[in-house]
Amino acid sequence: MGSNKALLEFSGEPLVARQVRLLGEAGFVPTILGQPGLYEKFSALVLPDEVAGLGPLGGIVTALARSASDWNLILAVDLPYLTPEWLRALARRAGASDFADVVIPRSDRGLEPLSAVYHHRALPVLRAALAAGVRKVTDALDYPPGCRLLEISPEEWNRIAAEPRLFENINTMADYRKAVSGGRS
């Protein structure tokens, strides 16, 4: 992107502030994974990655290793269309599951691991995958012996969220321009 996307403004606030606010509205206590000096002004605990430079998978491992909670909601900073209703419903599904290690939505692009809920018991699998050089989160979920997934279908999350762009993220400046213009290219 050429800049820190967490600090890009969307609807009048930085994306990171938007996610912190969204989590608060949904009833969660947010934690930011990143550089403490950069994010401390956003009213959330900030944790540096255990090992820097390992991408989202490294962040998930850090979150699970540092959390005292069994279940942990993991969100990417660049998902501006998430809703409090969706986050609450996702957490309820996780809390009701007696088998899943990860409660994860599936979109037309595949699994959405950065808007999912991870149980602490997924940590050994994800840590082993990371140690083996795996960097893609969805590949780590399958790393032997693998995580038990409870997938939420597009039909189900569409009923909950009623937001067709729910999992659209911002990876490029073109994505960002499209998002701030309301979806117009």
C-alpha atoms as a PDB file:
ATOM      1  CA  MET A   1       0.000   0.000   0.000  1.00  0.00           C
ATOM      2  CA  GLY A   2       2.888   2.349   0.595  1.00  0.00           C
ATOM      3  CA  SER A   3       1.424   3.470   3.925  1.00  0.00           C
ATOM      4  CA  ASN A   4       0.073   2.016   7.151  1.00  0.00           C
ATOM      5  CA  LYS A   5      -3.472   1.017   6.234  1.00  0.00           C
ATOM      6  CA  ALA A   6      -4.525   0.946   9.904  1.00  0.00           C
ATOM      7  CA  LEU A   7      -4.169   4.732   9.930  1.00  0.00           C
ATOM      8  CA  LEU A   8      -6.070   5.361   6.679  1.00  0.00           C
ATOM      9  CA  GLU A   9      -9.281   7.307   7.229  1.00  0.00           C
ATOM     10  CA  PHE A  10     -12.614   5.733   6.434  1.00  0.00           C
ATOM     11  CA  SER A  11     -15.841   7.598   7.195  1.00  0.00           C
ATOM     12  CA  GLY A  12     -13.954  10.196   9.205  1.00  0.00           C
ATOM     13  CA  GLU A  13     -11.789   7.944  11.396  1.00  0.00           C
ATOM     14  CA  PRO A  14      -8.681   5.791  11.031  1.00  0.00           C
ATOM     15  CA  LEU A  15      -9.467   2.156  10.224  1.00  0.00           C
ATOM     16  CA  VAL A  16      -7.917   1.040  13.529  1.00  0.00           C
ATOM     17  CA  ALA A  17     -10.131   3.449  15.491  1.00  0.00           C
ATOM     18  CA  ARG A  18     -13.137   2.160  13.556  1.00  0.00           C
ATOM     19  CA  GLN A  19     -12.379  -1.443  14.549  1.00  0.00           C
ATOM     20  CA  VAL A  20     -11.806  -0.472  18.208  1.00  0.00           C
ATOM     21  CA  ARG A  21     -15.136   1.376  18.223  1.00  0.00           C
ATOM     22  CA  LEU A  22     -16.915  -1.492  16.448  1.00  0.00           C
ATOM     23  CA  LEU A  23     -15.636  -4.011  18.991  1.00  0.00           C
ATOM     24  CA  GLY A  24     -16.755  -1.774  21.846  1.00  0.00           C
ATOM     25  CA  GLU A  25     -20.220  -1.370  20.299  1.00  0.00           C
ATOM     26  CA  ALA A  26     -20.452  -5.146  19.994  1.00  0.00           C
ATOM     27  CA  GLY A  27     -19.578  -5.549  23.684  1.00  0.00           C
ATOM     28  CA  PHE A  28     -15.966  -6.707  23.370  1.00  0.00           C
ATOM     29  CA  VAL A  29     -12.785  -5.364  24.946  1.00  0.00           C
ATOM     30  CA  PRO A  30     -10.412  -4.703  22.021  1.00  0.00           C
ATOM     31  CA  THR A  31      -6.709  -5.431  21.884  1.00  0.00           C
ATOM     32  CA  ILE A  32      -4.566  -4.126  19.057  1.00  0.00           C
ATOM     33  CA  LEU A  33      -1.671  -6.216  17.796  1.00  0.00           C
ATOM     34  CA  GLY A  34       1.046  -3.877  16.612  1.00  0.00           C
ATOM     35  CA  GLN A  35       3.616  -1.334  17.680  1.00  0.00           C
ATOM     36  CA  PRO A  36       2.609   0.081  21.081  1.00  0.00           C
ATOM     37  CA  GLY A  37       3.959   3.568  20.399  1.00  0.00           C
ATOM     38  CA  LEU A  38       1.995   3.822  17.173  1.00  0.00           C
ATOM     39  CA  TYR A  39      -1.402   2.672  18.461  1.00  0.00           C
ATOM     40  CA  GLU A  40      -1.559   3.604  22.156  1.00  0.00           C
ATOM     41  CA  LYS A  41      -3.803   6.611  21.443  1.00  0.00           C
ATOM     42  CA  PHE A  42      -6.655   4.362  20.288  1.00  0.00           C
ATOM     43  CA  SER A  43      -7.983   3.422  23.759  1.00  0.00           C
ATOM     44  CA  ALA A  44      -7.074  -0.249  23.642  1.00  0.00           C
ATOM     45  CA  LEU A  45      -4.383  -2.517  24.997  1.00  0.00           C
ATOM     46  CA  VAL A  46      -1.628  -2.781  22.386  1.00  0.00           C
ATOM     47  CA  LEU A  47       0.513  -5.902  22.154  1.00  0.00           C
ATOM     48  CA  PRO A  48       3.546  -6.291  19.912  1.00  0.00           C
ATOM     49  CA  ASP A  49       3.828  -9.531  17.947  1.00  0.00           C
ATOM     50  CA  GLU A  50       5.839 -12.244  19.712  1.00  0.00           C
ATOM     51  CA  VAL A  51       7.974 -12.344  16.576  1.00  0.00           C
ATOM     52  CA  ALA A  52       7.692  -9.402  14.189  1.00  0.00           C
ATOM     53  CA  GLY A  53       7.229  -9.864  10.462  1.00  0.00           C
ATOM     54  CA  LEU A  54       5.212 -13.092  10.481  1.00  0.00           C
ATOM     55  CA  GLY A  55       2.042 -11.521   9.136  1.00  0.00           C
ATOM     56  CA  PRO A  56      -1.507 -12.208  10.284  1.00  0.00           C
ATOM     57  CA  LEU A  57      -0.696 -15.753  11.406  1.00  0.00           C
ATOM     58  CA  GLY A  58       1.989 -14.408  13.735  1.00  0.00           C
ATOM     59  CA  GLY A  59      -0.554 -11.949  15.111  1.00  0.00           C
ATOM     60  CA  ILE A  60      -3.122 -14.679  15.752  1.00  0.00           C
ATOM     61  CA  VAL A  61      -0.515 -16.788  17.558  1.00  0.00           C
ATOM     62  CA  THR A  62       0.453 -13.765  19.675  1.00  0.00           C
ATOM     63  CA  ALA A  63      -3.194 -13.046  20.497  1.00  0.00           C
ATOM     64  CA  LEU A  64      -3.937 -16.610  21.547  1.00  0.00           C
ATOM     65  CA  ALA A  65      -0.711 -16.922  23.537  1.00  0.00           C
ATOM     66  CA  ARG A  66      -1.346 -13.693  25.457  1.00  0.00           C
ATOM     67  CA  SER A  67      -5.086 -14.003  25.999  1.00  0.00           C
ATOM     68  CA  ALA A  68      -6.643 -15.408  29.157  1.00  0.00           C
ATOM     69  CA  SER A  69      -9.910 -16.066  27.288  1.00  0.00           C
ATOM     70  CA  ASP A  70     -10.842 -19.414  25.799  1.00  0.00           C
ATOM     71  CA  TRP A  71     -12.382 -17.786  22.705  1.00  0.00           C
ATOM     72  CA  ASN A  72     -10.810 -14.848  20.874  1.00  0.00           C
ATOM     73  CA  LEU A  73     -12.384 -12.795  18.125  1.00  0.00           C
ATOM     74  CA  ILE A  74      -9.731 -11.972  15.517  1.00  0.00           C
ATOM     75  CA  LEU A  75     -10.350  -9.115  13.082  1.00  0.00           C
ATOM     76  CA  ALA A  76      -8.233  -7.573  10.367  1.00  0.00           C
ATOM     77  CA  VAL A  77      -7.987  -3.820  10.542  1.00  0.00           C
ATOM     78  CA  ASP A  78      -8.907  -3.461   6.869  1.00  0.00           C
ATOM     79  CA  LEU A  79     -12.473  -4.799   6.983  1.00  0.00           C
ATOM     80  CA  PRO A  80     -14.524  -1.585   7.074  1.00  0.00           C
ATOM     81  CA  TYR A  81     -17.954  -3.170   6.517  1.00  0.00           C
ATOM     82  CA  LEU A  82     -18.178  -5.387   9.589  1.00  0.00           C
ATOM     83  CA  THR A  83     -21.126  -4.764  11.891  1.00  0.00           C
ATOM     84  CA  PRO A  84     -21.666  -5.167  15.640  1.00  0.00           C
ATOM     85  CA  GLU A  85     -24.541  -7.572  14.914  1.00  0.00           C
ATOM     86  CA  TRP A  86     -22.248  -9.812  12.885  1.00  0.00           C
ATOM     87  CA  LEU A  87     -19.542  -9.831  15.574  1.00  0.00           C
ATOM     88  CA  ARG A  88     -22.037 -10.693  18.322  1.00  0.00           C
ATOM     89  CA  ALA A  89     -23.566 -13.480  16.213  1.00  0.00           C
ATOM     90  CA  LEU A  90     -20.122 -14.875  15.410  1.00  0.00           C
ATOM     91  CA  ALA A  91     -19.196 -14.900  19.103  1.00  0.00           C
ATOM     92  CA  ARG A  92     -22.508 -16.566  20.018  1.00  0.00           C
ATOM     93  CA  ARG A  93     -21.841 -19.336  17.489  1.00  0.00           C
ATOM     94  CA  ALA A  94     -18.401 -19.901  18.997  1.00  0.00           C
ATOM     95  CA  GLY A  95     -19.731 -19.978  22.538  1.00  0.00           C
ATOM     96  CA  ALA A  96     -22.388 -22.531  21.564  1.00  0.00           C
ATOM     97  CA  SER A  97     -19.918 -24.878  19.871  1.00  0.00           C
ATOM     98  CA  ASP A  98     -18.611 -27.798  21.853  1.00  0.00           C
ATOM     99  CA  PHE A  99     -16.230 -29.072  19.169  1.00  0.00           C
ATOM    100  CA  ALA A 100     -14.821 -26.223  17.076  1.00  0.00           C
ATOM    101  CA  ASP A 101     -11.338 -24.779  17.404  1.00  0.00           C
ATOM    102  CA  VAL A 102     -12.204 -22.004  14.967  1.00  0.00           C
ATOM    103  CA  VAL A 103     -15.583 -20.547  14.005  1.00  0.00           C
ATOM    104  CA  ILE A 104     -15.017 -19.091  10.575  1.00  0.00           C
ATOM    105  CA  PRO A 105     -17.178 -17.644   7.827  1.00  0.00           C
ATOM    106  CA  ARG A 106     -16.881 -18.704   4.210  1.00  0.00           C
ATOM    107  CA  SER A 107     -17.396 -16.134   1.458  1.00  0.00           C
ATOM    108  CA  ASP A 108     -17.255 -16.453  -2.307  1.00  0.00           C
ATOM    109  CA  ARG A 109     -13.465 -16.027  -1.965  1.00  0.00           C
ATOM    110  CA  GLY A 110     -13.121 -18.899   0.529  1.00  0.00           C
ATOM    111  CA  LEU A 111     -12.562 -18.952   4.278  1.00  0.00           C
ATOM    112  CA  GLU A 112     -12.355 -15.586   6.050  1.00  0.00           C
ATOM    113  CA  PRO A 113      -9.773 -16.216   8.803  1.00  0.00           C
ATOM    114  CA  LEU A 114      -9.424 -12.554   9.766  1.00  0.00           C
ATOM    115  CA  SER A 115     -13.045 -12.236  10.839  1.00  0.00           C
ATOM    116  CA  ALA A 116     -13.229 -15.414  12.873  1.00  0.00           C
ATOM    117  CA  VAL A 117     -13.242 -16.675  16.442  1.00  0.00           C
ATOM    118  CA  TYR A 118     -10.356 -18.856  17.618  1.00  0.00           C
ATOM    119  CA  HIS A 119     -10.359 -21.106  20.673  1.00  0.00           C
ATOM    120  CA  HIS A 120      -7.180 -21.196  22.723  1.00  0.00           C
ATOM    121  CA  ARG A 121      -6.808 -24.899  21.877  1.00  0.00           C
ATOM    122  CA  ALA A 122      -5.984 -23.903  18.262  1.00  0.00           C
ATOM    123  CA  LEU A 123      -2.726 -22.344  19.469  1.00  0.00           C
ATOM    124  CA  PRO A 124      -0.512 -25.483  19.295  1.00  0.00           C
ATOM    125  CA  VAL A 125      -1.557 -26.199  15.696  1.00  0.00           C
ATOM    126  CA  LEU A 126      -1.055 -22.589  14.585  1.00  0.00           C
ATOM    127  CA  ARG A 127       2.260 -22.263  16.440  1.00  0.00           C
ATOM    128  CA  ALA A 128       3.537 -25.508  14.852  1.00  0.00           C
ATOM    129  CA  ALA A 129       2.487 -24.316  11.399  1.00  0.00           C
ATOM    130  CA  LEU A 130       4.264 -21.011  11.952  1.00  0.00           C
ATOM    131  CA  ALA A 131       7.429 -22.817  13.108  1.00  0.00           C
ATOM    132  CA  ALA A 132       7.268 -24.962   9.959  1.00  0.00           C
ATOM    133  CA  GLY A 133       7.301 -21.856   7.775  1.00  0.00           C
ATOM    134  CA  VAL A 134       3.582 -21.662   7.013  1.00  0.00           C
ATOM    135  CA  ARG A 135       2.468 -18.039   6.704  1.00  0.00           C
ATOM    136  CA  LYS A 136      -1.000 -18.256   5.156  1.00  0.00           C
ATOM    137  CA  VAL A 137      -3.630 -18.532   7.883  1.00  0.00           C
ATOM    138  CA  THR A 138      -5.908 -20.888   5.952  1.00  0.00           C
ATOM    139  CA  ASP A 139      -2.962 -23.230   5.316  1.00  0.00           C
ATOM    140  CA  ALA A 140      -2.127 -23.166   9.033  1.00  0.00           C
ATOM    141  CA  LEU A 141      -5.672 -24.225   9.915  1.00  0.00           C
ATOM    142  CA  ASP A 142      -5.011 -27.479   8.013  1.00  0.00           C
ATOM    143  CA  TYR A 143      -1.526 -28.048   9.418  1.00  0.00           C
ATOM    144  CA  PRO A 144      -1.439 -31.544  10.961  1.00  0.00           C
ATOM    145  CA  PRO A 145      -3.342 -32.433  13.025  1.00  0.00           C
ATOM    146  CA  GLY A 146      -5.424 -29.465  11.869  1.00  0.00           C
ATOM    147  CA  CYS A 147      -7.995 -27.292  13.562  1.00  0.00           C
ATOM    148  CA  ARG A 148     -11.626 -28.317  13.822  1.00  0.00           C
ATOM    149  CA  LEU A 149     -13.591 -25.700  11.904  1.00  0.00           C
ATOM    150  CA  LEU A 150     -17.178 -24.628  12.237  1.00  0.00           C
ATOM    151  CA  GLU A 151     -17.872 -22.852   8.968  1.00  0.00           C
ATOM    152  CA  ILE A 152     -20.568 -20.228   8.613  1.00  0.00           C
ATOM    153  CA  SER A 153     -22.012 -20.312   5.126  1.00  0.00           C
ATOM    154  CA  PRO A 154     -22.638 -17.212   3.007  1.00  0.00           C
ATOM    155  CA  GLU A 155     -26.379 -17.828   3.307  1.00  0.00           C
ATOM    156  CA  GLU A 156     -26.171 -17.790   7.090  1.00  0.00           C
ATOM    157  CA  TRP A 157     -23.973 -14.724   7.491  1.00  0.00           C
ATOM    158  CA  ASN A 158     -26.025 -12.861   4.888  1.00  0.00           C
ATOM    159  CA  ARG A 159     -29.103 -13.400   7.064  1.00  0.00           C
ATOM    160  CA  ILE A 160     -27.216 -12.081  10.093  1.00  0.00           C
ATOM    161  CA  ALA A 161     -25.280  -9.184   8.602  1.00  0.00           C
ATOM    162  CA  ALA A 162     -27.356  -8.026   5.620  1.00  0.00           C
ATOM    163  CA  GLU A 163     -24.166  -6.391   4.305  1.00  0.00           C
ATOM    164  CA  PRO A 164     -23.024  -7.802   0.947  1.00  0.00           C
ATOM    165  CA  ARG A 165     -19.576  -6.211   1.325  1.00  0.00           C
ATOM    166  CA  LEU A 166     -19.039  -7.645   4.831  1.00  0.00           C
ATOM    167  CA  PHE A 167     -15.663  -9.223   4.016  1.00  0.00           C
ATOM    168  CA  GLU A 168     -14.393  -6.752   1.423  1.00  0.00           C
ATOM    169  CA  ASN A 169     -10.988  -5.613   2.558  1.00  0.00           C
ATOM    170  CA  ILE A 170      -8.537  -2.903   1.643  1.00  0.00           C
ATOM    171  CA  ASN A 171      -5.288  -4.264   0.256  1.00  0.00           C
ATOM    172  CA  THR A 172      -4.415  -1.659  -2.355  1.00  0.00           C
ATOM    173  CA  MET A 173      -4.848   2.057  -2.854  1.00  0.00           C
ATOM    174  CA  ALA A 174      -7.415   1.201  -5.547  1.00  0.00           C
ATOM    175  CA  ASP A 175      -9.373  -0.799  -2.935  1.00  0.00           C
ATOM    176  CA  TYR A 176      -9.127   2.157  -0.560  1.00  0.00           C
ATOM    177  CA  ARG A 177     -10.316   4.684  -3.159  1.00  0.00           C
ATOM    178  CA  LYS A 178     -13.223   2.382  -4.034  1.00  0.00           C
ATOM    179  CA  ALA A 179     -14.195   1.992  -0.364  1.00  0.00           C
ATOM    180  CA  VAL A 180     -14.109   5.719   0.448  1.00  0.00           C
ATOM    181  CA  SER A 181     -16.055   6.545  -2.698  1.00  0.00           C
ATOM    182  CA  GLY A 182     -18.861   4.238  -1.617  1.00  0.00           C
ATOM    183  CA  GLY A 183     -17.956   1.386  -3.939  1.00  0.00           C
ATOM    184  CA  ARG A 184     -17.701   3.348  -7.150  1.00  0.00           C
ATOM    185  CA  SER A 185     -14.593   2.503  -9.181  1.00  0.00           C
END
